[in-house]
Amino acid sequence: MAAEPTPSQPPQPTPGPIAPAERIATIDILRGVAIFGILVENMLFFGGPISLWQLSEPWWPAPADQFVNAAVHWLEKGKFYALFSFLFGLGMTLQMQRVGASGSRFVRLYVRRMLTLLAIGLAHALLLWWGDILSTFAVLGLLLLLFRRVSDKALLFWAVMLWLGPLMVILTAAGVDELLKLTPLAAMTTQSDVAAQQAALREAAHQSVERYGAGSPGDIFAQRLADLHHAWAGRAFHSSTIFMMFLLGMYAGRRGYLQNPDGYPRLHGYLLRWALPVGLLAHLGYALTLGSDKLLPMVANMVPFTIGLPLLTFGYIAAVVTLARRAPWRKLLAPVAAVGRMSLSNYLLQTVVCTTLFYSYGFGLYGRISPTVGLIPTVLLYAAQVALSNWWLRRFRFGPVEWLWRSVTYAKWQPLRHPAA
């Protein structure tokens, strides 16, 4: 008797980079917008000390510079890193949908992808700029594997916990600090401690200007290591926000909010009407209390920042998605999508250009360009990136760093040029 035929298995998705024709334009536009927002924020720290905004006496006291500083903190600071974090989590969902989340194949590819990103990030941090975010994304991205099979409700639960957790820490620390201030010894030493701290910060800022702006490569490397230590210490606190946005990005990817934006007009309208104005109001409070030495300065600054960050970020997302659904704006925003397709290359290119502009091995303008004047190279550099990205992608399938990243991830050199017509 003949054996029964074995039921055929459904074809498994072939692992490999997403083809250009399969990319989602709205997501690439959002990445391109995020790259601009990140550049606006980073320009302050490419050209100035890490302790710049901790100083009670402004480094640039001119009213125009103070206005630009407040505007950047109100509209920019943290929001576009949060947007990039959201898109990172959403990207993981898209990868799982392509490769399959249940098997070892996805895990193997994803771990290799994150380890490669970690290597790129560490090289960026140690050799170019202390403000690297890639290494943080890579480490937290590995932790994200633990959440790939949890339910949608669990993703939202943990996102809310990561949102509220820092608020509890801030409020508790502020309460303890106020109780300690009631002691007689604290009353005697507080003013002198603040003065000493400000003197140390200003001395560190001047040392940073001397080393980055006029120092040798060894001086620059030593200063970069010192700044990296402070940056990573601060990043440990902000990692909860980054991971929260990772989880919300995963959730949005599962629900198809950005893959099919036309299917959720009510959601985007709600975010525009409520999340955007509430986020703007909360972060206006944050910007206006910068440098406050009044009661509970930590609460005055960080509580509205923490509350408003996801709200304002999702308000921005809704605004971009709403505009991209309209034909005139979609045409206007289309060139920005090329920047998003090459977001990793463009992020690193910003560092190369800006450190050359500010550091001693280039033009040595560190500490000399005010926030107002710094808007000029910001706009010029981004405009150049839009033009360069579109030129490059007409000839090649990926950005240069994206090509290297994908080649290592898939353990195979990926074709870089477009196939001949």
Protein backbone atom coordinates (compact mmCIF):
# COMPACT_ATOMS: atom_id res chain seq x y z
CA MET A 1 0.00 0.00 0.00
CA ALA A 2 1.44 3.35 -1.01
CA ALA A 3 2.52 5.70 1.72
CA GLU A 4 0.43 8.81 2.17
CA PRO A 5 2.10 11.96 0.95
CA THR A 6 3.56 14.20 3.60
CA PRO A 7 1.56 17.42 3.93
CA SER A 8 3.46 20.29 2.40
CA GLN A 9 4.81 22.90 4.81
CA PRO A 10 4.07 26.57 4.21
CA PRO A 11 7.01 28.34 2.63
CA GLN A 12 9.29 29.99 5.16
CA PRO A 13 10.20 33.64 4.63
CA THR A 14 13.65 34.07 3.19
CA PRO A 15 15.88 36.06 5.54
CA GLY A 16 17.33 39.15 3.97
CA PRO A 17 17.15 42.93 3.97
CA ILE A 18 13.86 44.51 2.99
CA ALA A 19 13.77 45.46 -0.68
CA PRO A 20 13.49 49.18 -1.52
CA ALA A 21 10.12 48.59 -3.20
CA GLU A 22 8.74 47.06 0.03
CA ARG A 23 9.65 49.95 2.28
CA ILE A 24 6.90 51.98 3.98
CA ALA A 25 7.29 55.63 2.97
CA THR A 26 5.63 57.06 6.09
CA ILE A 27 8.07 55.26 8.38
CA ASP A 28 11.06 56.46 6.35
CA ILE A 29 9.73 60.03 6.44
CA LEU A 30 9.42 59.81 10.23
CA ARG A 31 13.02 58.56 10.45
CA GLY A 32 14.15 61.44 8.26
CA VAL A 33 12.31 63.94 10.46
CA ALA A 34 13.88 62.33 13.55
CA ILE A 35 17.37 62.73 12.07
CA PHE A 36 16.75 66.47 11.69
CA GLY A 37 15.43 66.83 15.24
CA ILE A 38 18.39 64.90 16.63
CA LEU A 39 20.80 67.18 14.74
CA VAL A 40 19.15 70.32 16.16
CA GLU A 41 19.56 69.02 19.71
CA ASN A 42 23.02 67.54 19.21
CA MET A 43 24.42 70.69 17.63
CA LEU A 44 24.39 72.32 21.08
CA PHE A 45 26.63 69.55 22.42
CA PHE A 46 28.81 69.05 19.37
CA GLY A 47 29.97 72.63 19.87
CA GLY A 48 29.74 73.12 23.63
CA PRO A 49 30.58 71.42 26.96
CA ILE A 50 28.49 68.58 28.32
CA SER A 51 27.84 70.66 31.46
CA LEU A 52 26.60 73.61 29.40
CA TRP A 53 23.03 73.76 30.66
CA GLN A 54 23.86 72.87 34.26
CA LEU A 55 25.55 76.23 34.76
CA SER A 56 23.55 78.78 36.75
CA GLU A 57 25.20 81.61 34.77
CA PRO A 58 24.49 80.97 31.07
CA TRP A 59 27.45 80.22 28.84
CA TRP A 60 25.75 82.33 26.16
CA PRO A 61 23.74 84.99 28.02
CA ALA A 62 22.44 86.93 24.97
CA PRO A 63 18.61 87.01 24.85
CA ALA A 64 18.54 85.44 21.37
CA ASP A 65 20.70 82.53 22.55
CA GLN A 66 18.60 82.07 25.67
CA PHE A 67 15.48 81.98 23.50
CA VAL A 68 16.98 79.37 21.16
CA ASN A 69 18.11 77.30 24.14
CA ALA A 70 14.63 77.41 25.69
CA ALA A 71 13.00 76.60 22.32
CA VAL A 72 15.26 73.59 21.76
CA HIS A 73 14.48 72.25 25.24
CA TRP A 74 10.78 72.91 24.73
CA LEU A 75 10.33 71.51 21.23
CA GLU A 76 13.36 69.28 20.61
CA LYS A 77 15.14 67.85 23.63
CA GLY A 78 14.51 64.14 23.96
CA LYS A 79 11.50 64.06 21.62
CA PHE A 80 13.30 62.92 18.49
CA TYR A 81 15.42 60.38 20.33
CA ALA A 82 12.10 59.09 21.68
CA LEU A 83 10.70 59.04 18.13
CA PHE A 84 13.76 57.11 16.94
CA SER A 85 13.32 54.69 19.87
CA PHE A 86 9.68 54.16 18.91
CA LEU A 87 10.65 53.41 15.30
CA PHE A 88 13.37 51.03 16.55
CA GLY A 89 10.79 48.95 18.41
CA LEU A 90 8.43 49.08 15.45
CA GLY A 91 11.28 47.92 13.21
CA MET A 92 11.80 44.85 15.37
CA THR A 93 8.15 43.91 14.87
CA LEU A 94 8.48 44.28 11.11
CA GLN A 95 11.58 42.05 11.17
CA MET A 96 9.71 39.40 13.17
CA GLN A 97 6.85 39.51 10.69
CA ARG A 98 9.29 38.95 7.83
CA VAL A 99 11.43 36.22 9.38
CA GLY A 100 9.18 34.75 12.05
CA ALA A 101 9.56 35.33 15.79
CA SER A 102 9.17 31.76 16.99
CA GLY A 103 12.27 30.10 15.57
CA SER A 104 15.94 30.37 16.36
CA ARG A 105 16.59 31.94 12.97
CA PHE A 106 15.14 35.30 13.97
CA VAL A 107 16.94 35.29 17.32
CA ARG A 108 20.26 34.45 15.67
CA LEU A 109 19.89 37.19 13.06
CA TYR A 110 18.63 39.73 15.56
CA VAL A 111 21.43 39.11 18.09
CA ARG A 112 24.02 39.44 15.33
CA ARG A 113 22.30 42.63 14.21
CA MET A 114 22.41 44.13 17.71
CA LEU A 115 26.03 43.10 18.35
CA THR A 116 27.05 44.72 15.09
CA LEU A 117 25.19 47.88 16.07
CA LEU A 118 26.92 47.77 19.46
CA ALA A 119 30.33 47.59 17.77
CA ILE A 120 29.44 50.54 15.53
CA GLY A 121 28.15 52.50 18.52
CA LEU A 122 31.21 51.87 20.67
CA ALA A 123 33.51 52.89 17.83
CA HIS A 124 31.41 56.04 17.38
CA ALA A 125 31.53 56.84 21.11
CA LEU A 126 35.23 56.16 21.66
CA LEU A 127 36.65 57.53 18.42
CA LEU A 128 34.31 60.37 17.46
CA TRP A 129 31.74 61.66 19.96
CA TRP A 130 30.66 60.96 23.52
CA GLY A 131 26.95 61.52 22.73
CA ASP A 132 26.51 58.20 20.91
CA ILE A 133 23.07 56.61 21.25
CA LEU A 134 23.68 53.51 19.12
CA SER A 135 25.41 51.48 21.83
CA THR A 136 22.50 52.15 24.21
CA PHE A 137 20.00 51.09 21.55
CA ALA A 138 21.98 47.89 20.92
CA VAL A 139 22.11 46.85 24.59
CA LEU A 140 18.44 47.63 25.19
CA GLY A 141 17.59 46.05 21.85
CA LEU A 142 18.98 42.74 23.12
CA LEU A 143 16.72 43.01 26.17
CA LEU A 144 13.80 43.60 23.83
CA LEU A 145 14.06 39.96 22.76
CA LEU A 146 12.50 39.02 26.10
CA PHE A 147 9.30 40.80 25.06
CA ARG A 148 8.87 39.45 21.55
CA ARG A 149 6.22 36.91 22.57
CA VAL A 150 4.34 38.80 25.28
CA SER A 151 0.78 39.93 24.67
CA ASP A 152 -0.23 43.40 23.54
CA LYS A 153 -1.66 44.11 26.99
CA ALA A 154 1.64 43.14 28.61
CA LEU A 155 3.55 45.47 26.28
CA LEU A 156 1.29 48.36 27.31
CA PHE A 157 1.52 47.43 31.00
CA TRP A 158 5.32 47.44 31.01
CA ALA A 159 5.42 50.65 28.97
CA VAL A 160 3.24 52.41 31.55
CA MET A 161 5.42 51.07 34.38
CA LEU A 162 8.52 52.41 32.66
CA TRP A 163 6.77 55.75 32.22
CA LEU A 164 5.65 56.07 35.85
CA GLY A 165 8.77 54.50 37.43
CA PRO A 166 11.08 57.49 36.83
CA LEU A 167 8.40 59.80 38.21
CA MET A 168 8.35 57.83 41.45
CA VAL A 169 12.14 57.98 41.66
CA ILE A 170 12.16 61.74 41.04
CA LEU A 171 9.46 62.45 43.62
CA THR A 172 11.06 60.20 46.23
CA ALA A 173 14.53 61.71 45.70
CA ALA A 174 13.11 65.22 45.87
CA GLY A 175 11.23 64.45 49.09
CA VAL A 176 14.31 62.97 50.74
CA ASP A 177 16.36 65.96 49.59
CA GLU A 178 13.89 68.39 51.14
CA LEU A 179 13.86 66.49 54.44
CA LEU A 180 17.67 66.60 54.58
CA LYS A 181 17.62 70.34 53.98
CA LEU A 182 15.72 70.79 57.25
CA THR A 183 18.74 69.75 59.31
CA PRO A 184 20.92 72.55 60.79
CA LEU A 185 24.06 71.22 59.11
CA ALA A 186 22.38 71.22 55.71
CA ALA A 187 21.27 74.82 56.16
CA MET A 188 24.88 75.85 56.87
CA THR A 189 26.45 73.95 53.96
CA THR A 190 23.89 74.12 51.13
CA GLN A 191 24.94 77.50 49.71
CA SER A 192 28.64 76.71 49.83
CA ASP A 193 28.02 73.29 48.26
CA VAL A 194 26.07 74.84 45.39
CA ALA A 195 28.76 77.44 44.82
CA ALA A 196 31.48 74.79 44.83
CA GLN A 197 29.50 72.63 42.42
CA GLN A 198 28.99 75.52 40.02
CA ALA A 199 32.68 76.42 40.18
CA ALA A 200 33.62 72.83 39.36
CA LEU A 201 31.15 72.73 36.45
CA ARG A 202 32.50 75.98 35.01
CA GLU A 203 36.09 74.80 35.37
CA ALA A 204 35.17 71.53 33.62
CA ALA A 205 33.48 73.50 30.84
CA HIS A 206 36.58 75.64 30.26
CA GLN A 207 38.77 72.54 30.25
CA SER A 208 36.46 70.98 27.67
CA VAL A 209 36.76 74.05 25.43
CA GLU A 210 40.54 74.03 25.73
CA ARG A 211 40.90 70.33 24.94
CA TYR A 212 38.34 69.99 22.14
CA GLY A 213 38.99 73.37 20.57
CA ALA A 214 42.78 73.52 20.74
CA GLY A 215 44.08 70.24 22.18
CA SER A 216 46.02 67.36 20.72
CA PRO A 217 44.34 64.10 19.64
CA GLY A 218 45.34 62.68 23.04
CA ASP A 219 43.72 65.61 24.84
CA ILE A 220 40.53 65.15 22.83
CA PHE A 221 40.43 61.42 23.55
CA ALA A 222 40.93 62.00 27.30
CA GLN A 223 38.15 64.58 27.37
CA ARG A 224 35.88 62.28 25.34
CA LEU A 225 36.36 59.49 27.88
CA ALA A 226 35.51 61.86 30.74
CA ASP A 227 32.39 63.11 28.95
CA LEU A 228 31.42 59.56 28.02
CA HIS A 229 31.47 58.60 31.69
CA HIS A 230 29.00 61.37 32.53
CA ALA A 231 26.88 60.65 29.46
CA TRP A 232 26.52 56.95 30.26
CA ALA A 233 25.64 57.75 33.87
CA GLY A 234 22.81 59.97 32.67
CA ARG A 235 21.79 57.46 30.01
CA ALA A 236 21.16 54.87 32.72
CA PHE A 237 18.28 57.03 33.99
CA HIS A 238 16.88 57.75 30.53
CA SER A 239 17.07 54.10 29.48
CA SER A 240 13.63 53.50 30.98
CA THR A 241 12.15 56.07 28.59
CA ILE A 242 14.00 54.58 25.61
CA PHE A 243 12.79 51.08 26.46
CA MET A 244 9.25 52.35 27.02
CA MET A 245 9.25 53.74 23.48
CA PHE A 246 10.71 50.46 22.19
CA LEU A 247 7.72 48.61 23.66
CA LEU A 248 5.21 51.10 22.32
CA GLY A 249 6.84 50.81 18.90
CA MET A 250 6.44 47.03 19.05
CA TYR A 251 2.79 47.46 19.98
CA ALA A 252 2.17 49.93 17.13
CA GLY A 253 3.88 47.57 14.70
CA ARG A 254 1.63 44.71 15.73
CA ARG A 255 -1.47 46.86 15.30
CA GLY A 256 -0.34 48.28 11.94
CA TYR A 257 -0.72 51.92 12.97
CA LEU A 258 2.03 53.13 10.65
CA GLN A 259 1.96 50.34 8.06
CA ASN A 260 -1.63 51.38 7.29
CA PRO A 261 -2.00 54.98 8.54
CA ASP A 262 -5.12 55.54 6.42
CA GLY A 263 -6.91 52.98 8.56
CA TYR A 264 -6.57 54.98 11.80
CA PRO A 265 -7.60 58.60 11.13
CA ARG A 266 -9.44 58.87 14.44
CA LEU A 267 -6.34 57.83 16.39
CA HIS A 268 -4.16 60.42 14.67
CA GLY A 269 -6.86 63.07 15.15
CA TYR A 270 -7.05 62.26 18.86
CA LEU A 271 -3.28 62.55 19.23
CA LEU A 272 -3.30 65.91 17.44
CA ARG A 273 -6.15 67.31 19.52
CA TRP A 274 -5.03 66.04 22.93
CA ALA A 275 -1.54 64.54 23.14
CA LEU A 276 0.18 67.29 21.16
CA PRO A 277 -1.15 70.31 23.12
CA VAL A 278 -0.79 68.60 26.52
CA GLY A 279 2.78 67.57 25.64
CA LEU A 280 3.61 71.09 24.45
CA LEU A 281 2.22 72.59 27.64
CA ALA A 282 4.08 70.15 29.89
CA HIS A 283 7.39 70.74 28.12
CA LEU A 284 6.88 74.48 28.13
CA GLY A 285 6.86 74.18 31.92
CA TYR A 286 10.04 72.14 31.71
CA ALA A 287 11.77 74.72 29.49
CA LEU A 288 10.73 77.66 31.65
CA THR A 289 12.11 76.08 34.83
CA LEU A 290 15.55 75.23 33.44
CA GLY A 291 18.24 76.17 35.92
CA SER A 292 15.68 76.76 38.67
CA ASP A 293 17.19 76.98 42.15
CA LYS A 294 13.84 77.24 43.86
CA LEU A 295 11.95 74.64 45.82
CA LEU A 296 12.24 71.13 44.40
CA PRO A 297 14.11 72.07 41.19
CA MET A 298 14.33 68.42 40.20
CA VAL A 299 10.55 68.11 40.30
CA ALA A 300 10.08 71.47 38.58
CA ASN A 301 12.20 70.26 35.66
CA MET A 302 11.86 66.51 35.36
CA VAL A 303 8.22 65.78 36.22
CA PRO A 304 6.74 67.81 33.33
CA PHE A 305 9.52 66.49 31.08
CA THR A 306 8.77 62.86 31.91
CA ILE A 307 5.00 63.28 31.65
CA GLY A 308 5.08 65.24 28.43
CA LEU A 309 7.75 63.33 26.49
CA PRO A 310 5.66 60.44 25.09
CA LEU A 311 2.64 62.70 24.59
CA LEU A 312 4.59 65.24 22.57
CA THR A 313 6.42 62.54 20.64
CA PHE A 314 3.16 60.88 19.58
CA GLY A 315 1.74 64.30 18.75
CA TYR A 316 4.66 64.86 16.38
CA ILE A 317 4.14 61.41 14.84
CA ALA A 318 0.45 62.14 14.26
CA ALA A 319 1.27 65.51 12.71
CA VAL A 320 3.77 64.00 10.25
CA VAL A 321 1.48 61.08 9.39
CA THR A 322 -1.48 63.43 8.83
CA LEU A 323 0.57 65.66 6.52
CA ALA A 324 2.03 62.68 4.66
CA ARG A 325 -1.50 61.48 3.83
CA ARG A 326 -2.14 64.68 1.86
CA ALA A 327 -0.82 64.75 -1.68
CA PRO A 328 0.91 68.18 -1.65
CA TRP A 329 2.66 67.48 1.64
CA ARG A 330 3.49 63.91 0.65
CA LYS A 331 5.33 65.25 -2.39
CA LEU A 332 7.12 67.84 -0.26
CA LEU A 333 8.15 65.27 2.36
CA ALA A 334 9.19 62.57 -0.12
CA PRO A 335 12.86 63.68 -0.28
CA VAL A 336 13.08 63.38 3.52
CA ALA A 337 12.28 59.67 3.24
CA ALA A 338 15.72 59.13 1.64
CA VAL A 339 17.34 60.53 4.78
CA GLY A 340 15.30 58.03 6.80
CA ARG A 341 16.32 55.11 4.61
CA MET A 342 19.95 56.04 5.35
CA SER A 343 19.36 57.11 8.96
CA LEU A 344 22.37 55.28 10.41
CA SER A 345 24.77 56.65 7.79
CA ASN A 346 23.32 60.15 8.20
CA TYR A 347 23.54 60.02 11.99
CA LEU A 348 27.23 59.13 11.80
CA LEU A 349 27.86 61.65 9.03
CA GLN A 350 26.50 64.40 11.28
CA THR A 351 29.13 63.49 13.85
CA VAL A 352 31.97 63.49 11.31
CA VAL A 353 30.98 66.89 9.89
CA CYS A 354 30.26 68.57 13.23
CA THR A 355 33.35 67.33 15.07
CA THR A 356 35.43 68.50 12.11
CA LEU A 357 33.75 71.89 12.38
CA PHE A 358 34.26 72.25 16.12
CA TYR A 359 37.34 70.22 17.11
CA SER A 360 40.98 71.25 16.87
CA TYR A 361 41.79 68.79 14.08
CA GLY A 362 39.26 70.70 11.94
CA PHE A 363 38.19 74.32 12.28
CA GLY A 364 38.53 74.53 16.08
CA LEU A 365 35.25 76.39 16.69
CA TYR A 366 34.35 74.49 19.87
CA GLY A 367 32.76 76.81 22.45
CA ARG A 368 32.73 79.73 19.99
CA ILE A 369 29.48 79.28 18.07
CA SER A 370 26.36 80.34 19.95
CA PRO A 371 23.08 78.42 19.75
CA THR A 372 21.62 81.08 17.44
CA VAL A 373 24.53 80.99 14.99
CA GLY A 374 24.58 77.19 15.29
CA LEU A 375 21.21 77.03 13.55
CA ILE A 376 22.96 77.96 10.28
CA PRO A 377 25.22 74.88 10.01
CA THR A 378 22.32 72.77 11.29
CA VAL A 379 20.03 73.74 8.42
CA LEU A 380 22.81 73.65 5.82
CA LEU A 381 24.03 70.22 6.90
CA TYR A 382 20.56 68.69 6.89
CA ALA A 383 19.76 70.19 3.48
CA ALA A 384 22.99 68.67 2.17
CA GLN A 385 22.02 65.31 3.67
CA VAL A 386 18.64 65.40 1.92
CA ALA A 387 20.33 66.05 -1.43
CA LEU A 388 23.12 63.53 -0.84
CA SER A 389 20.74 60.80 0.37
CA ASN A 390 18.51 61.13 -2.68
CA TRP A 391 21.53 61.13 -5.00
CA TRP A 392 22.99 58.05 -3.29
CA LEU A 393 19.79 56.01 -3.28
CA ARG A 394 19.23 56.58 -6.98
CA ARG A 395 22.44 54.59 -7.46
CA PHE A 396 22.60 52.23 -4.48
CA ARG A 397 20.15 50.06 -2.53
CA PHE A 398 21.37 51.05 0.97
CA GLY A 399 23.38 53.70 2.69
CA PRO A 400 27.04 52.70 3.13
CA VAL A 401 26.82 51.91 6.85
CA GLU A 402 23.44 50.22 6.40
CA TRP A 403 25.03 48.02 3.73
CA LEU A 404 27.84 47.01 6.11
CA TRP A 405 25.36 46.41 8.94
CA ARG A 406 23.16 44.17 6.81
CA SER A 407 26.12 42.30 5.33
CA VAL A 408 27.43 41.38 8.78
CA THR A 409 23.95 40.55 10.06
CA TYR A 410 23.24 38.09 7.25
CA ALA A 411 26.89 36.89 7.08
CA LYS A 412 26.86 37.60 3.37
CA TRP A 413 27.89 40.61 1.32
CA GLN A 414 24.68 42.25 0.19
CA PRO A 415 24.40 43.67 -3.35
CA LEU A 416 24.92 47.41 -3.01
CA ARG A 417 24.16 48.74 -6.48
CA HIS A 418 20.73 48.62 -8.01
CA PRO A 419 20.39 45.81 -10.55
CA ALA A 420 20.93 46.91 -14.11
CA ALA A 421 17.71 47.88 -15.83
